[in-house]
Protein backbone atom coordinates (compact mmCIF):
# COMPACT_ATOMS: atom_id res chain seq x y z
CA UNK A 1 -1.21 16.74 -2.03
CA UNK A 2 -1.85 18.79 1.07
CA UNK A 3 -2.76 18.12 4.69
CA UNK A 4 -2.46 14.36 4.69
CA UNK A 5 -4.73 12.70 2.15
CA UNK A 6 -6.25 15.74 0.45
CA UNK A 7 -6.08 15.17 -3.27
CA UNK A 8 -4.83 17.75 -5.69
CA UNK A 9 -5.67 17.82 -9.35
CA UNK A 10 -2.26 16.42 -10.17
CA UNK A 11 -2.42 12.89 -11.58
CA UNK A 12 0.83 11.95 -9.87
CA UNK A 13 -0.69 12.72 -6.45
CA UNK A 14 -3.87 10.80 -7.22
CA UNK A 15 -1.77 7.85 -8.34
CA UNK A 16 0.13 7.79 -5.05
CA UNK A 17 -3.12 7.79 -3.09
CA UNK A 18 -4.52 5.01 -5.29
CA UNK A 19 -1.32 3.04 -4.73
CA UNK A 20 -1.77 3.39 -0.97
CA UNK A 21 -5.35 2.13 -1.34
CA UNK A 22 -4.14 -0.92 -3.26
CA UNK A 23 -1.51 -1.57 -0.63
CA UNK A 24 -4.20 -1.57 2.06
CA UNK A 25 -6.13 -4.12 0.02
CA UNK A 26 -2.98 -6.25 -0.33
CA UNK A 27 -2.46 -6.25 3.44
CA UNK A 28 -6.11 -7.09 4.07
CA UNK A 29 -6.03 -9.96 1.56
CA UNK A 30 -2.79 -11.31 3.03
CA UNK A 31 -4.30 -11.30 6.53
CA UNK A 32 -7.52 -13.00 5.42
CA UNK A 33 -5.69 -15.47 3.21
CA UNK A 34 -3.33 -16.39 6.01
CA UNK A 35 -6.23 -17.06 8.39
CA UNK A 36 -8.11 -19.15 5.83
CA UNK A 37 -5.17 -21.04 4.29
CA UNK A 38 -5.03 -24.80 4.26
CA UNK A 39 -1.35 -25.43 3.54
CA UNK A 40 2.13 -23.98 3.91
CA UNK A 41 2.34 -22.97 0.24
CA UNK A 42 -0.45 -20.49 0.77
CA UNK A 43 1.26 -19.32 3.96
CA UNK A 44 4.35 -18.49 1.92
CA UNK A 45 2.24 -16.72 -0.71
CA UNK A 46 0.40 -14.55 1.79
CA UNK A 47 3.57 -13.86 3.75
CA UNK A 48 5.23 -12.61 0.58
CA UNK A 49 2.18 -10.53 -0.30
CA UNK A 50 2.19 -8.91 3.15
CA UNK A 51 5.95 -8.30 3.07
CA UNK A 52 5.75 -6.75 -0.39
CA UNK A 53 2.85 -4.55 0.65
CA UNK A 54 4.75 -3.14 3.63
CA UNK A 55 7.82 -2.46 1.49
CA UNK A 56 5.68 -0.67 -1.09
CA UNK A 57 3.86 1.24 1.65
CA UNK A 58 7.11 2.65 2.99
CA UNK A 59 8.14 3.86 -0.46
CA UNK A 60 4.70 5.28 -1.31
CA UNK A 61 4.42 7.14 1.99
CA UNK A 62 7.86 8.66 1.50
CA UNK A 63 6.92 9.76 -2.00
CA UNK A 64 3.69 11.24 -0.66
CA UNK A 65 5.68 13.25 1.89
CA UNK A 66 8.04 14.44 -0.85
CA UNK A 67 5.07 15.70 -2.86
CA UNK A 68 3.61 17.46 0.19
CA UNK A 69 6.92 19.22 0.84
CA UNK A 70 7.16 20.33 -2.80
CA UNK A 71 3.67 21.79 -2.58
């Protein structure tokens, strides 16, 4: 990984970028699901999904930075 989101040929770097894409989808789904929910059970579900996504995002972004520093 270099210069932000530029992809190298290394599978580990591509996997981190794919993980970040999935996390974005998780956040989007949680936001939509929360808006469209009809009961509190769904609110809990989408709240947990959003919370998990942000926790994963923090870890994935740190790992991305570690890979950038390593070169």
